[in-house]
């Protein structure tokens, strides 16, 4: 499979599995985090795995 085809398949799976809407709990958590960006930026449990 070519790289572009593989990416299309991976994206289709991601789009299918991804929730279409955040739950109210998820929205509240994101809002709470956005109110304290310095704490979010310096959290030690975050990883950069999504960049690779």
N, C-alpha and C. Protein backbone atom coordinates (compact mmCIF):
# COMPACT_ATOMS: atom_id res chain seq x y z
N UNK A 1 0.85 -1.18 0.00
CA UNK A 1 0.00 0.00 0.00
C UNK A 1 0.90 1.24 0.00
N UNK A 2 0.56 2.20 -0.83
CA UNK A 2 1.32 3.43 -0.90
C UNK A 2 1.08 4.26 0.37
N UNK A 3 2.04 5.14 0.63
CA UNK A 3 1.96 5.96 1.85
C UNK A 3 0.69 6.82 1.86
N UNK A 4 0.33 7.41 0.72
CA UNK A 4 -0.86 8.26 0.70
C UNK A 4 -2.13 7.44 0.92
N UNK A 5 -2.16 6.22 0.39
CA UNK A 5 -3.31 5.35 0.61
C UNK A 5 -3.42 4.94 2.07
N UNK A 6 -2.26 4.63 2.67
CA UNK A 6 -2.23 4.24 4.09
C UNK A 6 -2.74 5.39 4.96
N UNK A 7 -2.30 6.61 4.65
CA UNK A 7 -2.77 7.77 5.42
C UNK A 7 -4.27 7.98 5.27
N UNK A 8 -4.79 7.76 4.07
CA UNK A 8 -6.23 7.90 3.86
C UNK A 8 -7.00 6.87 4.67
N UNK A 9 -6.51 5.64 4.71
CA UNK A 9 -7.15 4.59 5.49
C UNK A 9 -7.08 4.92 6.98
N UNK A 10 -5.92 5.36 7.45
CA UNK A 10 -5.77 5.72 8.85
C UNK A 10 -6.69 6.89 9.22
N UNK A 11 -6.78 7.88 8.35
CA UNK A 11 -7.65 9.02 8.64
C UNK A 11 -9.12 8.60 8.67
N UNK A 12 -9.52 7.75 7.74
CA UNK A 12 -10.91 7.28 7.71
C UNK A 12 -11.24 6.56 9.01
N UNK A 13 -10.32 5.72 9.52
CA UNK A 13 -10.55 5.03 10.78
C UNK A 13 -10.63 6.03 11.93
N UNK A 14 -9.71 7.00 11.95
CA UNK A 14 -9.72 8.03 12.99
C UNK A 14 -11.05 8.79 12.96
N UNK A 15 -11.48 9.22 11.78
CA UNK A 15 -12.71 10.00 11.67
C UNK A 15 -13.92 9.18 12.11
N UNK A 16 -13.92 7.88 11.83
CA UNK A 16 -15.02 7.01 12.22
C UNK A 16 -15.05 6.83 13.74
N UNK A 17 -13.88 6.67 14.35
CA UNK A 17 -13.79 6.41 15.78
C UNK A 17 -13.89 7.67 16.64
N UNK A 18 -13.66 8.82 16.05
CA UNK A 18 -13.64 10.08 16.78
C UNK A 18 -15.07 10.52 17.11
N UNK A 19 -15.32 10.91 18.34
CA UNK A 19 -16.66 11.39 18.67
C UNK A 19 -16.98 12.66 17.89
N UNK A 20 -18.21 12.78 17.48
CA UNK A 20 -18.64 13.93 16.70
C UNK A 20 -18.86 15.16 17.58
N UNK A 21 -19.08 14.94 18.86
CA UNK A 21 -19.36 16.04 19.76
C UNK A 21 -18.78 15.71 21.13
N UNK A 22 -18.26 16.72 21.80
CA UNK A 22 -17.75 16.52 23.15
C UNK A 22 -18.91 16.37 24.12
N UNK A 23 -18.68 15.56 25.15
CA UNK A 23 -19.68 15.47 26.21
C UNK A 23 -19.62 16.75 27.04
N UNK A 24 -20.62 16.97 27.85
CA UNK A 24 -20.61 18.17 28.70
C UNK A 24 -19.45 18.11 29.68
N UNK A 25 -19.13 16.91 30.18
CA UNK A 25 -17.99 16.76 31.09
C UNK A 25 -16.68 17.12 30.39
N UNK A 26 -16.50 16.64 29.15
CA UNK A 26 -15.29 16.96 28.40
C UNK A 26 -15.18 18.47 28.15
N UNK A 27 -16.28 19.08 27.79
CA UNK A 27 -16.30 20.53 27.56
C UNK A 27 -15.93 21.29 28.82
N UNK A 28 -16.48 20.87 29.96
CA UNK A 28 -16.17 21.53 31.23
C UNK A 28 -14.70 21.37 31.59
N UNK A 29 -14.14 20.18 31.36
CA UNK A 29 -12.72 19.95 31.67
C UNK A 29 -11.82 20.82 30.79
N UNK A 30 -12.15 20.93 29.51
CA UNK A 30 -11.36 21.76 28.60
C UNK A 30 -11.45 23.22 29.01
N UNK A 31 -12.63 23.67 29.34
CA UNK A 31 -12.80 25.05 29.79
C UNK A 31 -11.99 25.32 31.06
N UNK A 32 -12.03 24.38 32.00
CA UNK A 32 -11.26 24.54 33.23
C UNK A 32 -9.76 24.60 32.93
N UNK A 33 -9.28 23.74 32.03
CA UNK A 33 -7.87 23.78 31.67
C UNK A 33 -7.50 25.08 30.98
N UNK A 34 -8.39 25.57 30.14
CA UNK A 34 -8.09 26.80 29.41
C UNK A 34 -7.99 28.01 30.33
N UNK A 35 -8.57 27.92 31.50
CA UNK A 35 -8.48 29.01 32.46
C UNK A 35 -7.15 29.03 33.19
N UNK A 36 -6.36 27.96 33.06
CA UNK A 36 -5.06 27.90 33.72
C UNK A 36 -4.03 27.32 32.74
N UNK A 37 -3.76 28.04 31.65
CA UNK A 37 -2.83 27.56 30.64
C UNK A 37 -1.42 27.31 31.17
N UNK A 38 -0.88 28.12 32.07
CA UNK A 38 0.45 27.81 32.58
C UNK A 38 0.52 26.42 33.24
N UNK A 39 -0.48 26.06 33.99
CA UNK A 39 -0.50 24.73 34.61
C UNK A 39 -0.58 23.65 33.55
N UNK A 40 -1.36 23.87 32.54
CA UNK A 40 -1.49 22.90 31.45
C UNK A 40 -0.16 22.76 30.71
N UNK A 41 0.50 23.86 30.47
CA UNK A 41 1.76 23.84 29.72
C UNK A 41 2.85 23.08 30.47
N UNK A 42 2.86 23.17 31.79
CA UNK A 42 3.93 22.58 32.59
C UNK A 42 3.56 21.23 33.21
N UNK A 43 2.44 20.66 32.84
CA UNK A 43 2.03 19.39 33.41
C UNK A 43 3.05 18.30 33.05
N UNK A 44 3.40 17.50 34.03
CA UNK A 44 4.44 16.48 33.80
C UNK A 44 3.90 15.20 33.19
N UNK A 45 2.60 15.04 33.15
CA UNK A 45 2.04 13.81 32.60
C UNK A 45 1.73 13.90 31.11
N UNK A 46 1.97 15.07 30.51
CA UNK A 46 1.70 15.23 29.08
C UNK A 46 2.83 14.58 28.28
N UNK A 47 2.49 14.13 27.09
CA UNK A 47 3.50 13.58 26.21
C UNK A 47 3.37 14.19 24.83
N UNK A 48 4.40 14.04 24.03
CA UNK A 48 4.40 14.57 22.68
C UNK A 48 4.15 13.48 21.65
N UNK A 49 3.60 12.36 22.08
CA UNK A 49 3.43 11.22 21.16
C UNK A 49 2.57 11.57 19.96
N UNK A 50 1.64 12.50 20.09
CA UNK A 50 0.78 12.85 18.98
C UNK A 50 1.53 13.59 17.87
N UNK A 51 2.71 14.09 18.15
CA UNK A 51 3.49 14.79 17.14
C UNK A 51 4.28 13.84 16.27
N UNK A 52 4.44 12.63 16.68
CA UNK A 52 5.27 11.70 15.93
C UNK A 52 4.42 10.74 15.25
